[in-house]
Structure formats: C-alpha cells, structure tokens
Amino acid sequence: MSGEVSEEIPINAIDSPSAVLELIYQLKIKGVMRSAVITAVRTDTMRFVQALMRENYITGVPIVDQDRRVVGLVSIDDVVTALDQGVIDALVEERMTKQVIVLEDDMPLSFAISYLNKYPYGRYPVINKKKELVGILTSKDVISTLLAEMNREVLRLEKISQKETANISACVNMEFSIVRYDFELAGRASTEIKKALKQRNIDSKIIRRVAIASYELEINQVVHSSGGTIYCSIQPDRITIIATDRGPGIKDINLALQEGWSTANEWVRSLGFGAGMGLANTKRVSDEFFLNSTMGVGTTVRSTVFINSDKTE
C-alpha cells in the first residue's frame, strides 16, 4: 500500500509510562478515528481524486464499492506518479493500490500505534464488523487524542489533590513523647512534623527551618533529659515547637547557647550525638526563641517560625 510517510508516534505498548499505557489500552480506535471520510469509487478518475485531495487538504483517499467496502486506496504518491506519466485522467481502478491494510474500529488503540510505527503509511482506513468503511486514522489523530486525554487526566488528578488538600485542616496540634536514650525512634517527631507541613504546601525553606528546630530539640531530649514531650502547633501564620522535659535542667543557659558546648558523655558522643549545636541551631532558625530551665526540674524551649518569614538559616 503506497502512501505518505507516517509521522512516528514517540510511544509504544511496551515501555511507555504506565499512565500512557493505560490510555492506549483503554481507548478504542473508534474513539480516535475521524468518522467523516472523503472517498471515491473505482470509476472516478485520478484527476477527480487529485481535486478531492486539494479541496479537503488530505493526502489519501480510500476507494469503496457500493456497500462501502474498501477495495483500494489512492495516495498523494499515486497522484504524483500519474501526473509524471501523463495518465492523470486514467480511472482510479487502474492506478489505485489494491492491497490495503485496514484497522477495525473496536481494536485497542495499541494496535493502531503498532501499525503506524511498524509500516511507513500515513493513514489507515477503519472498518466495522460488517467490513464497512467507518473512519480514517492517522498518526496526527492518535497524538492529538492522547494529548487531550492526558491533559484531562492531569486535570482530574489536580482536582483530587485539591480536594485532599482542602480536607486537611490549616491548623493542627501534634504531640510526641520522647524517651531518654531511645536513639532508634529519635527523629520520629521531626519527621511527622515535616510531613504535616508538606501536606499543607508550606514553603520548603520554612519546612527546612522547622525541621531543624524540631529535630535538634528532639535529639536534645533523647541525649540530655530524663524524657519529655515535643509539642507542635501549626497555625495559618506560624509554626510553634515547644519542647518540655523532666530534667535535669540547664545550669548556665548562656553557656548552653554557645556553639560546641555540650554536657554529653563519651558514649553519646561515640554515637555521633552531643556536638553542642542543638540549642544554637534551634535559635538560629527561629523567628522567636524562648528558653527557660530550672535545675532538678526541667527545661522548656519554644521555637516559633512565621509562615511568611524571609529569614534565612
């Protein structure tokens, strides 16, 4: 079957992304083809077909019988050849391609993509179960339909995401119990706080600052206290982390806020903790910072980060 060269479709039914694969297996050819088909009959002339192509901006015309069964196809190549040979007034049945590959309208779109990528033909007549011509399919039809369907799927997923986001409360309070020397669970609180902030589409720079503050305060309780609580309040304008522990308390607060100063023992240091940066880092990333400690009673640290803060770490 002669015809214009097909525009290769940059997808296939094997290793394309899963979302695209679902589409090409779900869609039927009947949902992609063009139903309005310009046709001719055997007794028309090649000049008549040439005029059809020019008037309708097409490059191929199926030839049908009285029952609309495909008996041939005339492509732009066939017309050009007829012009070169001086037989443009010859009957179509003398010049048409008689061996025509057709597609059936209830085939999955994956079949059409395979045909378009395998054979150098730009268009395929589409028939129904009665062998009647019901449409025409080109690579342009496939690409435009897939783009439209993928855009529709993106919009659908965006709506789902918006609904899920709308169901997430703008305000939330979270509380975590911290156990002394429980390094296995150390970081759990800060991870959950970070996750909650991401769900609310908080700016990544704000999330990073809150994550640093919550992690440092959490690790401080694991290393230095007898256990305590990390409390997080997410409000429309701010995130507040409050760390309260049960002792032993900080003897010299000013000294504790100096970078590198630590009371961690050698065992804790051998595990990679106790570098003396916890409180200093927390204060650095906070818009508001408060620390109160009583020896033998415990320590409370409050770190606040404003949602619209432009402070850097």
C-alpha atoms as a PDB file:
ATOM      1  CA  MET A   1       0.000   0.000   0.000  1.00  0.00           C
ATOM      2  CA  SER A   2       1.630   3.238  -1.086  1.00  0.00           C
ATOM      3  CA  GLY A   3       1.060   6.500   0.762  1.00  0.00           C
ATOM      4  CA  GLU A   4       2.696   9.374   2.584  1.00  0.00           C
ATOM      5  CA  VAL A   5       5.292   8.551   5.214  1.00  0.00           C
ATOM      6  CA  SER A   6       3.774   8.195   8.663  1.00  0.00           C
ATOM      7  CA  GLU A   7       4.853  10.527  11.445  1.00  0.00           C
ATOM      8  CA  GLU A   8       6.335   8.177  14.026  1.00  0.00           C
ATOM      9  CA  ILE A   9       4.498   8.154  17.329  1.00  0.00           C
ATOM     10  CA  PRO A  10       7.048   8.527  20.174  1.00  0.00           C
ATOM     11  CA  ILE A  11       5.355   5.898  22.358  1.00  0.00           C
ATOM     12  CA  ASN A  12       4.867   2.159  22.262  1.00  0.00           C
ATOM     13  CA  ALA A  13       2.911  -0.552  24.020  1.00  0.00           C
ATOM     14  CA  ILE A  14       5.893  -1.927  25.944  1.00  0.00           C
ATOM     15  CA  ASP A  15       7.994   0.630  27.804  1.00  0.00           C
ATOM     16  CA  SER A  16       5.917   3.796  27.747  1.00  0.00           C
ATOM     17  CA  PRO A  17       4.949   5.382  31.116  1.00  0.00           C
ATOM     18  CA  SER A  18       2.194   3.482  32.909  1.00  0.00           C
ATOM     19  CA  ALA A  19      -0.311   6.350  32.580  1.00  0.00           C
ATOM     20  CA  VAL A  20       0.167   6.361  28.797  1.00  0.00           C
ATOM     21  CA  LEU A  21      -0.057   2.567  28.611  1.00  0.00           C
ATOM     22  CA  GLU A  22      -3.392   2.648  30.422  1.00  0.00           C
ATOM     23  CA  LEU A  23      -4.719   5.111  27.860  1.00  0.00           C
ATOM     24  CA  ILE A  24      -3.587   3.250  24.762  1.00  0.00           C
ATOM     25  CA  TYR A  25      -5.119   0.004  26.046  1.00  0.00           C
ATOM     26  CA  GLN A  26      -8.343   1.611  27.256  1.00  0.00           C
ATOM     27  CA  LEU A  27      -9.022   3.697  24.148  1.00  0.00           C
ATOM     28  CA  LYS A  28     -10.584   2.063  21.119  1.00  0.00           C
ATOM     29  CA  ILE A  29      -9.779   3.055  17.566  1.00  0.00           C
ATOM     30  CA  LYS A  30     -13.394   4.187  17.125  1.00  0.00           C
ATOM     31  CA  GLY A  31     -12.784   6.844  19.770  1.00  0.00           C
ATOM     32  CA  VAL A  32      -9.744   8.253  17.949  1.00  0.00           C
ATOM     33  CA  MET A  33     -10.541   7.932  14.230  1.00  0.00           C
ATOM     34  CA  ARG A  34     -12.235  10.561  12.107  1.00  0.00           C
ATOM     35  CA  SER A  35     -15.670   9.390  11.005  1.00  0.00           C
ATOM     36  CA  ALA A  36     -16.053  11.893   8.175  1.00  0.00           C
ATOM     37  CA  VAL A  37     -14.159  10.130   5.390  1.00  0.00           C
ATOM     38  CA  ILE A  38     -13.659  11.502   1.874  1.00  0.00           C
ATOM     39  CA  THR A  39     -13.955   8.566  -0.528  1.00  0.00           C
ATOM     40  CA  ALA A  40     -14.002   7.814  -4.255  1.00  0.00           C
ATOM     41  CA  VAL A  41     -15.134   4.883  -6.410  1.00  0.00           C
ATOM     42  CA  ARG A  42     -13.370   2.769  -9.000  1.00  0.00           C
ATOM     43  CA  THR A  43     -14.869   4.650 -11.956  1.00  0.00           C
ATOM     44  CA  ASP A  44     -13.675   8.075 -10.795  1.00  0.00           C
ATOM     45  CA  THR A  45     -10.597   9.488 -12.491  1.00  0.00           C
ATOM     46  CA  MET A  46      -7.261  10.212 -10.865  1.00  0.00           C
ATOM     47  CA  ARG A  47      -7.822  13.890 -11.714  1.00  0.00           C
ATOM     48  CA  PHE A  48     -11.056  13.766  -9.675  1.00  0.00           C
ATOM     49  CA  VAL A  49      -9.168  12.282  -6.717  1.00  0.00           C
ATOM     50  CA  GLN A  50      -6.471  14.935  -7.092  1.00  0.00           C
ATOM     51  CA  ALA A  51      -9.171  17.599  -6.785  1.00  0.00           C
ATOM     52  CA  LEU A  52     -10.603  15.891  -3.686  1.00  0.00           C
ATOM     53  CA  MET A  53      -7.196  15.964  -2.029  1.00  0.00           C
ATOM     54  CA  ARG A  54      -6.596  19.618  -2.888  1.00  0.00           C
ATOM     55  CA  GLU A  55     -10.048  20.787  -1.757  1.00  0.00           C
ATOM     56  CA  ASN A  56     -10.019  18.828   1.502  1.00  0.00           C
ATOM     57  CA  TYR A  57      -6.320  19.145   2.396  1.00  0.00           C
ATOM     58  CA  ILE A  58      -5.796  15.383   2.592  1.00  0.00           C
ATOM     59  CA  THR A  59      -3.128  13.088   1.191  1.00  0.00           C
ATOM     60  CA  GLY A  60      -5.017   9.818   0.763  1.00  0.00           C
ATOM     61  CA  VAL A  61      -8.460   8.695  -0.407  1.00  0.00           C
ATOM     62  CA  PRO A  62      -9.996   5.245   0.248  1.00  0.00           C
ATOM     63  CA  ILE A  63     -11.772   3.682  -2.713  1.00  0.00           C
ATOM     64  CA  VAL A  64     -15.042   1.946  -1.849  1.00  0.00           C
ATOM     65  CA  ASP A  65     -17.712  -0.130  -3.605  1.00  0.00           C
ATOM     66  CA  GLN A  66     -21.497   0.327  -3.395  1.00  0.00           C
ATOM     67  CA  ASP A  67     -21.516  -1.377   0.044  1.00  0.00           C
ATOM     68  CA  ARG A  68     -18.800   0.964   1.365  1.00  0.00           C
ATOM     69  CA  ARG A  69     -16.274  -1.838   1.462  1.00  0.00           C
ATOM     70  CA  VAL A  70     -12.684  -0.780   0.926  1.00  0.00           C
ATOM     71  CA  VAL A  71     -11.352  -2.009  -2.415  1.00  0.00           C
ATOM     72  CA  GLY A  72      -8.329   0.223  -2.721  1.00  0.00           C
ATOM     73  CA  LEU A  73      -6.589   3.440  -1.768  1.00  0.00           C
ATOM     74  CA  VAL A  74      -5.121   6.335  -3.728  1.00  0.00           C
ATOM     75  CA  SER A  75      -2.337   8.287  -2.054  1.00  0.00           C
ATOM     76  CA  ILE A  76      -0.668  11.551  -2.996  1.00  0.00           C
ATOM     77  CA  ASP A  77       2.225   9.461  -4.328  1.00  0.00           C
ATOM     78  CA  ASP A  78      -0.153   7.703  -6.725  1.00  0.00           C
ATOM     79  CA  VAL A  79      -1.444  11.068  -7.987  1.00  0.00           C
ATOM     80  CA  VAL A  80       2.082  12.453  -8.474  1.00  0.00           C
ATOM     81  CA  THR A  81       3.085   9.303 -10.377  1.00  0.00           C
ATOM     82  CA  ALA A  82       0.011   9.597 -12.600  1.00  0.00           C
ATOM     83  CA  LEU A  83       0.898  13.217 -13.365  1.00  0.00           C
ATOM     84  CA  ASP A  84       4.504  12.309 -14.184  1.00  0.00           C
ATOM     85  CA  GLN A  85       3.360   9.533 -16.511  1.00  0.00           C
ATOM     86  CA  GLY A  86       0.699  11.678 -18.189  1.00  0.00           C
ATOM     87  CA  VAL A  87      -2.200   9.435 -17.132  1.00  0.00           C
ATOM     88  CA  ILE A  88      -3.970  11.721 -14.669  1.00  0.00           C
ATOM     89  CA  ASP A  89      -7.269  11.090 -16.484  1.00  0.00           C
ATOM     90  CA  ALA A  90      -6.990   7.315 -16.019  1.00  0.00           C
ATOM     91  CA  LEU A  91      -9.636   5.533 -13.976  1.00  0.00           C
ATOM     92  CA  VAL A  92      -8.940   5.061 -10.292  1.00  0.00           C
ATOM     93  CA  GLU A  93      -9.261   1.267 -10.514  1.00  0.00           C
ATOM     94  CA  GLU A  94      -6.283   1.240 -12.909  1.00  0.00           C
ATOM     95  CA  ARG A  95      -3.961   3.210 -10.610  1.00  0.00           C
ATOM     96  CA  MET A  96      -5.098   2.580  -7.050  1.00  0.00           C
ATOM     97  CA  THR A  97      -3.290   0.422  -4.506  1.00  0.00           C
ATOM     98  CA  LYS A  98      -5.391  -2.702  -4.112  1.00  0.00           C
ATOM     99  CA  GLN A  99      -3.578  -4.328  -1.190  1.00  0.00           C
ATOM    100  CA  VAL A 100      -4.849  -2.127   1.614  1.00  0.00           C
ATOM    101  CA  ILE A 101      -4.127  -2.648   5.314  1.00  0.00           C
ATOM    102  CA  VAL A 102      -7.180  -1.751   7.363  1.00  0.00           C
ATOM    103  CA  LEU A 103      -7.963  -1.466  11.069  1.00  0.00           C
ATOM    104  CA  GLU A 104     -11.153  -2.447  12.857  1.00  0.00           C
ATOM    105  CA  ASP A 105     -12.980   0.156  14.911  1.00  0.00           C
ATOM    106  CA  ASP A 106     -13.206  -1.951  18.092  1.00  0.00           C
ATOM    107  CA  MET A 107      -9.460  -2.677  18.212  1.00  0.00           C
ATOM    108  CA  PRO A 108      -7.496  -1.155  21.137  1.00  0.00           C
ATOM    109  CA  LEU A 109      -5.549   1.957  20.171  1.00  0.00           C
ATOM    110  CA  SER A 110      -2.358  -0.007  20.885  1.00  0.00           C
ATOM    111  CA  PHE A 111      -2.904  -1.923  17.613  1.00  0.00           C
ATOM    112  CA  ALA A 112      -3.039   1.302  15.632  1.00  0.00           C
ATOM    113  CA  ILE A 113       0.128   2.620  17.285  1.00  0.00           C
ATOM    114  CA  SER A 114       1.935  -0.618  16.432  1.00  0.00           C
ATOM    115  CA  TYR A 115       0.818  -0.364  12.792  1.00  0.00           C
ATOM    116  CA  LEU A 116       1.747   3.316  12.479  1.00  0.00           C
ATOM    117  CA  ASN A 117       5.207   2.711  13.931  1.00  0.00           C
ATOM    118  CA  LYS A 118       5.804  -0.516  12.005  1.00  0.00           C
ATOM    119  CA  TYR A 119       4.661   0.434   8.499  1.00  0.00           C
ATOM    120  CA  PRO A 120       5.509   3.583   6.504  1.00  0.00           C
ATOM    121  CA  TYR A 121       1.892   4.517   5.816  1.00  0.00           C
ATOM    122  CA  GLY A 122       0.365   7.773   6.921  1.00  0.00           C
ATOM    123  CA  ARG A 123      -3.287   6.705   7.143  1.00  0.00           C
ATOM    124  CA  TYR A 124      -5.357   3.592   7.675  1.00  0.00           C
ATOM    125  CA  PRO A 125      -8.990   3.028   6.670  1.00  0.00           C
ATOM    126  CA  VAL A 126     -11.094   1.793   9.606  1.00  0.00           C
ATOM    127  CA  ILE A 127     -13.871  -0.758   9.106  1.00  0.00           C
ATOM    128  CA  ASN A 128     -16.599  -2.213  11.327  1.00  0.00           C
ATOM    129  CA  LYS A 129     -17.525  -5.859  11.802  1.00  0.00           C
ATOM    130  CA  LYS A 130     -19.589  -5.715   8.592  1.00  0.00           C
ATOM    131  CA  LYS A 131     -16.417  -4.715   6.724  1.00  0.00           C
ATOM    132  CA  GLU A 132     -17.907  -1.282   6.010  1.00  0.00           C
ATOM    133  CA  LEU A 133     -15.682   1.794   5.964  1.00  0.00           C
ATOM    134  CA  VAL A 134     -16.483   3.852   9.061  1.00  0.00           C
ATOM    135  CA  GLY A 135     -13.438   6.060   9.540  1.00  0.00           C
ATOM    136  CA  ILE A 136      -9.859   7.005   8.799  1.00  0.00           C
ATOM    137  CA  LEU A 137      -6.938   7.069  11.240  1.00  0.00           C
ATOM    138  CA  THR A 138      -3.645   8.981  11.037  1.00  0.00           C
ATOM    139  CA  SER A 139      -0.735   9.425  13.418  1.00  0.00           C
ATOM    140  CA  LYS A 140      -1.890  13.017  13.942  1.00  0.00           C
ATOM    141  CA  ASP A 141      -5.257  11.727  15.195  1.00  0.00           C
ATOM    142  CA  VAL A 142      -3.527   9.419  17.679  1.00  0.00           C
ATOM    143  CA  ILE A 143      -1.141  12.059  19.031  1.00  0.00           C
ATOM    144  CA  SER A 144      -3.810  14.765  19.396  1.00  0.00           C
ATOM    145  CA  THR A 145      -6.195  12.352  21.148  1.00  0.00           C
ATOM    146  CA  LEU A 146      -3.533  11.119  23.570  1.00  0.00           C
ATOM    147  CA  LEU A 147      -2.536  14.683  24.406  1.00  0.00           C
ATOM    148  CA  ALA A 148      -6.173  15.617  25.062  1.00  0.00           C
ATOM    149  CA  GLU A 149      -6.723  12.513  27.215  1.00  0.00           C
ATOM    150  CA  MET A 150      -3.530  13.082  29.211  1.00  0.00           C
ATOM    151  CA  ASN A 151      -4.496  16.712  29.817  1.00  0.00           C
ATOM    152  CA  ARG A 152      -7.908  15.510  31.004  1.00  0.00           C
ATOM    153  CA  GLU A 153      -6.227  13.011  33.344  1.00  0.00           C
ATOM    154  CA  VAL A 154      -3.919  15.706  34.733  1.00  0.00           C
ATOM    155  CA  LEU A 155      -6.915  17.938  35.457  1.00  0.00           C
ATOM    156  CA  ARG A 156      -8.690  15.038  37.159  1.00  0.00           C
ATOM    157  CA  LEU A 157      -5.693  14.322  39.384  1.00  0.00           C
ATOM    158  CA  GLU A 158      -5.334  18.021  40.195  1.00  0.00           C
ATOM    159  CA  LYS A 159      -8.969  18.157  41.336  1.00  0.00           C
ATOM    160  CA  ILE A 160      -8.431  15.107  43.546  1.00  0.00           C
ATOM    161  CA  SER A 161      -5.307  16.710  45.003  1.00  0.00           C
ATOM    162  CA  GLN A 162      -7.162  19.970  45.649  1.00  0.00           C
ATOM    163  CA  LYS A 163      -9.967  18.114  47.433  1.00  0.00           C
ATOM    164  CA  GLU A 164      -7.479  16.207  49.574  1.00  0.00           C
ATOM    165  CA  THR A 165      -5.657  19.441  50.412  1.00  0.00           C
ATOM    166  CA  ALA A 166      -8.956  21.150  51.253  1.00  0.00           C
ATOM    167  CA  ASN A 167      -9.752  18.331  53.684  1.00  0.00           C
ATOM    168  CA  ILE A 168      -6.508  18.954  55.550  1.00  0.00           C
ATOM    169  CA  SER A 169      -7.080  21.421  58.365  1.00  0.00           C
ATOM    170  CA  ALA A 170      -4.964  24.564  58.225  1.00  0.00           C
ATOM    171  CA  CYS A 171      -4.484  24.288  61.998  1.00  0.00           C
ATOM    172  CA  VAL A 172      -3.210  21.213  63.760  1.00  0.00           C
ATOM    173  CA  ASN A 173      -1.653  20.316  67.091  1.00  0.00           C
ATOM    174  CA  MET A 174       0.760  17.404  67.375  1.00  0.00           C
ATOM    175  CA  GLU A 175       2.370  15.903  70.460  1.00  0.00           C
ATOM    176  CA  PHE A 176       5.139  13.320  70.805  1.00  0.00           C
ATOM    177  CA  SER A 177       6.594  11.593  73.858  1.00  0.00           C
ATOM    178  CA  ILE A 178      10.369  11.393  73.881  1.00  0.00           C
ATOM    179  CA  VAL A 179      12.235   8.665  75.794  1.00  0.00           C
ATOM    180  CA  ARG A 180      15.764   9.101  77.133  1.00  0.00           C
ATOM    181  CA  TYR A 181      18.453   7.356  75.043  1.00  0.00           C
ATOM    182  CA  ASP A 182      15.848   5.956  72.611  1.00  0.00           C
ATOM    183  CA  PHE A 183      18.017   6.559  69.539  1.00  0.00           C
ATOM    184  CA  GLU A 184      16.016   4.063  67.480  1.00  0.00           C
ATOM    185  CA  LEU A 185      12.982   6.375  67.439  1.00  0.00           C
ATOM    186  CA  ALA A 186      14.967   9.614  67.568  1.00  0.00           C
ATOM    187  CA  GLY A 187      13.804  11.834  64.723  1.00  0.00           C
ATOM    188  CA  ARG A 188      10.264  10.435  64.555  1.00  0.00           C
ATOM    189  CA  ALA A 189       8.655  13.640  65.817  1.00  0.00           C
ATOM    190  CA  SER A 190      10.519  15.901  63.403  1.00  0.00           C
ATOM    191  CA  THR A 191       9.685  13.541  60.515  1.00  0.00           C
ATOM    192  CA  GLU A 192       5.955  13.646  61.277  1.00  0.00           C
ATOM    193  CA  ILE A 193       6.023  17.423  61.673  1.00  0.00           C
ATOM    194  CA  LYS A 194       7.802  17.796  58.340  1.00  0.00           C
ATOM    195  CA  LYS A 195       5.227  15.527  56.672  1.00  0.00           C
ATOM    196  CA  ALA A 196       2.334  17.599  58.060  1.00  0.00           C
ATOM    197  CA  LEU A 197       3.894  20.795  56.728  1.00  0.00           C
ATOM    198  CA  LYS A 198       4.390  19.306  53.263  1.00  0.00           C
ATOM    199  CA  GLN A 199       0.731  18.257  53.162  1.00  0.00           C
ATOM    200  CA  ARG A 200      -0.198  21.899  53.706  1.00  0.00           C
ATOM    201  CA  ASN A 201       2.103  23.089  50.901  1.00  0.00           C
ATOM    202  CA  ILE A 202       4.221  25.174  53.247  1.00  0.00           C
ATOM    203  CA  ASP A 203       7.239  26.782  51.574  1.00  0.00           C
ATOM    204  CA  SER A 204      10.200  24.380  51.517  1.00  0.00           C
ATOM    205  CA  LYS A 205      12.524  26.910  53.192  1.00  0.00           C
ATOM    206  CA  ILE A 206      10.118  27.263  56.118  1.00  0.00           C
ATOM    207  CA  ILE A 207       9.781  23.473  56.342  1.00  0.00           C
ATOM    208  CA  ARG A 208      13.553  23.089  56.478  1.00  0.00           C
ATOM    209  CA  ARG A 209      13.868  25.591  59.336  1.00  0.00           C
ATOM    210  CA  VAL A 210      11.080  23.935  61.340  1.00  0.00           C
ATOM    211  CA  ALA A 211      12.595  20.506  60.669  1.00  0.00           C
ATOM    212  CA  ILE A 212      15.966  21.658  62.005  1.00  0.00           C
ATOM    213  CA  ALA A 213      14.416  23.137  65.144  1.00  0.00           C
ATOM    214  CA  SER A 214      12.200  20.131  65.888  1.00  0.00           C
ATOM    215  CA  TYR A 215      14.990  17.622  65.234  1.00  0.00           C
ATOM    216  CA  GLU A 216      17.543  19.448  67.399  1.00  0.00           C
ATOM    217  CA  LEU A 217      15.084  19.790  70.294  1.00  0.00           C
ATOM    218  CA  GLU A 218      14.036  16.165  69.958  1.00  0.00           C
ATOM    219  CA  ILE A 219      17.624  14.892  69.983  1.00  0.00           C
ATOM    220  CA  ASN A 220      18.420  17.166  72.939  1.00  0.00           C
ATOM    221  CA  GLN A 221      15.688  15.464  74.955  1.00  0.00           C
ATOM    222  CA  VAL A 222      16.913  11.999  73.949  1.00  0.00           C
ATOM    223  CA  VAL A 223      20.514  12.823  74.897  1.00  0.00           C
ATOM    224  CA  HIS A 224      20.308  15.228  77.867  1.00  0.00           C
ATOM    225  CA  SER A 225      16.916  14.852  79.583  1.00  0.00           C
ATOM    226  CA  SER A 226      15.102  12.197  81.540  1.00  0.00           C
ATOM    227  CA  GLY A 227      12.464  12.193  78.787  1.00  0.00           C
ATOM    228  CA  GLY A 228       9.951  14.748  77.713  1.00  0.00           C
ATOM    229  CA  THR A 229       7.432  15.969  75.175  1.00  0.00           C
ATOM    230  CA  ILE A 230       7.661  17.676  71.786  1.00  0.00           C
ATOM    231  CA  TYR A 231       4.564  19.710  71.001  1.00  0.00           C
ATOM    232  CA  CYS A 232       3.920  21.259  67.579  1.00  0.00           C
ATOM    233  CA  SER A 233       1.237  23.796  66.743  1.00  0.00           C
ATOM    234  CA  ILE A 234       0.652  24.604  63.058  1.00  0.00           C
ATOM    235  CA  GLN A 235      -1.339  27.809  62.590  1.00  0.00           C
ATOM    236  CA  PRO A 236      -2.146  29.847  59.448  1.00  0.00           C
ATOM    237  CA  ASP A 237       0.631  32.326  60.208  1.00  0.00           C
ATOM    238  CA  ARG A 238       3.189  30.361  62.239  1.00  0.00           C
ATOM    239  CA  ILE A 239       4.590  27.022  63.385  1.00  0.00           C
ATOM    240  CA  THR A 240       5.477  26.696  67.047  1.00  0.00           C
ATOM    241  CA  ILE A 241       7.586  23.901  68.528  1.00  0.00           C
ATOM    242  CA  ILE A 242       7.577  23.531  72.322  1.00  0.00           C
ATOM    243  CA  ALA A 243       9.972  21.045  73.909  1.00  0.00           C
ATOM    244  CA  THR A 244       9.400  20.310  77.607  1.00  0.00           C
ATOM    245  CA  ASP A 245      11.498  17.813  79.519  1.00  0.00           C
ATOM    246  CA  ARG A 246      11.707  16.455  83.072  1.00  0.00           C
ATOM    247  CA  GLY A 247      15.229  17.488  83.922  1.00  0.00           C
ATOM    248  CA  PRO A 248      17.960  17.638  84.959  1.00  0.00           C
ATOM    249  CA  GLY A 249      17.855  21.287  83.849  1.00  0.00           C
ATOM    250  CA  ILE A 250      20.488  23.648  82.438  1.00  0.00           C
ATOM    251  CA  LYS A 251      22.883  25.258  84.912  1.00  0.00           C
ATOM    252  CA  ASP A 252      24.161  28.049  82.637  1.00  0.00           C
ATOM    253  CA  ILE A 253      21.774  28.989  79.801  1.00  0.00           C
ATOM    254  CA  ASN A 254      24.177  31.436  78.138  1.00  0.00           C
ATOM    255  CA  LEU A 255      26.867  28.770  78.035  1.00  0.00           C
ATOM    256  CA  ALA A 256      24.399  26.188  76.684  1.00  0.00           C
ATOM    257  CA  LEU A 257      23.569  28.503  73.766  1.00  0.00           C
ATOM    258  CA  GLN A 258      27.201  28.677  72.668  1.00  0.00           C
ATOM    259  CA  GLU A 259      28.039  26.543  69.647  1.00  0.00           C
ATOM    260  CA  GLY A 260      30.052  23.469  70.538  1.00  0.00           C
ATOM    261  CA  TRP A 261      29.357  23.473  74.277  1.00  0.00           C
ATOM    262  CA  SER A 262      27.917  20.141  75.434  1.00  0.00           C
ATOM    263  CA  THR A 263      27.446  18.021  78.548  1.00  0.00           C
ATOM    264  CA  ALA A 264      27.046  14.795  76.571  1.00  0.00           C
ATOM    265  CA  ASN A 265      29.055  11.824  77.855  1.00  0.00           C
ATOM    266  CA  GLU A 266      31.599   9.884  75.798  1.00  0.00           C
ATOM    267  CA  TRP A 267      29.127   7.090  74.940  1.00  0.00           C
ATOM    268  CA  VAL A 268      26.655   9.570  73.449  1.00  0.00           C
ATOM    269  CA  ARG A 269      29.447  11.299  71.518  1.00  0.00           C
ATOM    270  CA  SER A 270      30.599   7.930  70.150  1.00  0.00           C
ATOM    271  CA  LEU A 271      27.136   7.509  68.635  1.00  0.00           C
ATOM    272  CA  GLY A 272      27.523  10.774  66.719  1.00  0.00           C
ATOM    273  CA  PHE A 273      25.383  12.944  69.001  1.00  0.00           C
ATOM    274  CA  GLY A 274      26.099  15.618  71.591  1.00  0.00           C
ATOM    275  CA  ALA A 275      28.069  18.033  69.400  1.00  0.00           C
ATOM    276  CA  GLY A 276      26.748  21.010  71.328  1.00  0.00           C
ATOM    277  CA  MET A 277      24.899  22.567  68.388  1.00  0.00           C
ATOM    278  CA  GLY A 278      21.288  21.727  69.284  1.00  0.00           C
ATOM    279  CA  LEU A 279      20.133  24.868  71.084  1.00  0.00           C
ATOM    280  CA  ALA A 280      22.353  27.141  68.963  1.00  0.00           C
ATOM    281  CA  ASN A 281      20.917  25.715  65.733  1.00  0.00           C
ATOM    282  CA  THR A 282      17.356  25.969  67.053  1.00  0.00           C
ATOM    283  CA  LYS A 283      17.807  29.623  67.994  1.00  0.00           C
ATOM    284  CA  ARG A 284      19.427  30.365  64.609  1.00  0.00           C
ATOM    285  CA  VAL A 285      16.473  29.088  62.565  1.00  0.00           C
ATOM    286  CA  SER A 286      13.756  30.551  64.811  1.00  0.00           C
ATOM    287  CA  ASP A 287      11.963  33.854  64.347  1.00  0.00           C
ATOM    288  CA  GLU A 288      11.157  33.789  68.042  1.00  0.00           C
ATOM    289  CA  PHE A 289      13.101  31.766  70.606  1.00  0.00           C
ATOM    290  CA  PHE A 290      12.450  31.221  74.312  1.00  0.00           C
ATOM    291  CA  LEU A 291      14.317  29.039  76.806  1.00  0.00           C
ATOM    292  CA  ASN A 292      13.603  28.503  80.486  1.00  0.00           C
ATOM    293  CA  SER A 293      15.288  25.934  82.718  1.00  0.00           C
ATOM    294  CA  THR A 294      15.240  25.057  86.421  1.00  0.00           C
ATOM    295  CA  MET A 295      17.863  22.756  87.856  1.00  0.00           C
ATOM    296  CA  GLY A 296      16.375  19.467  89.021  1.00  0.00           C
ATOM    297  CA  VAL A 297      13.009  20.296  87.476  1.00  0.00           C
ATOM    298  CA  GLY A 298      13.381  20.549  83.726  1.00  0.00           C
ATOM    299  CA  THR A 299      13.679  22.730  80.648  1.00  0.00           C
ATOM    300  CA  THR A 300      11.185  24.329  78.265  1.00  0.00           C
ATOM    301  CA  VAL A 301      12.215  25.598  74.846  1.00  0.00           C
ATOM    302  CA  ARG A 302       9.854  27.350  72.452  1.00  0.00           C
ATOM    303  CA  SER A 303      10.770  27.915  68.824  1.00  0.00           C
ATOM    304  CA  THR A 304       8.467  29.879  66.509  1.00  0.00           C
ATOM    305  CA  VAL A 305       8.816  30.177  62.732  1.00  0.00           C
ATOM    306  CA  PHE A 306       6.477  32.528  60.885  1.00  0.00           C
ATOM    307  CA  ILE A 307       4.925  31.205  57.648  1.00  0.00           C
ATOM    308  CA  ASN A 308       5.758  34.372  55.696  1.00  0.00           C
ATOM    309  CA  SER A 309       9.164  34.863  57.265  1.00  0.00           C
ATOM    310  CA  ASP A 310      12.020  35.765  54.927  1.00  0.00           C
ATOM    311  CA  LYS A 311      14.671  34.854  57.458  1.00  0.00           C
ATOM    312  CA  THR A 312      17.417  32.577  56.193  1.00  0.00           C
ATOM    313  CA  GLU A 313      19.076  29.797  58.145  1.00  0.00           C
END
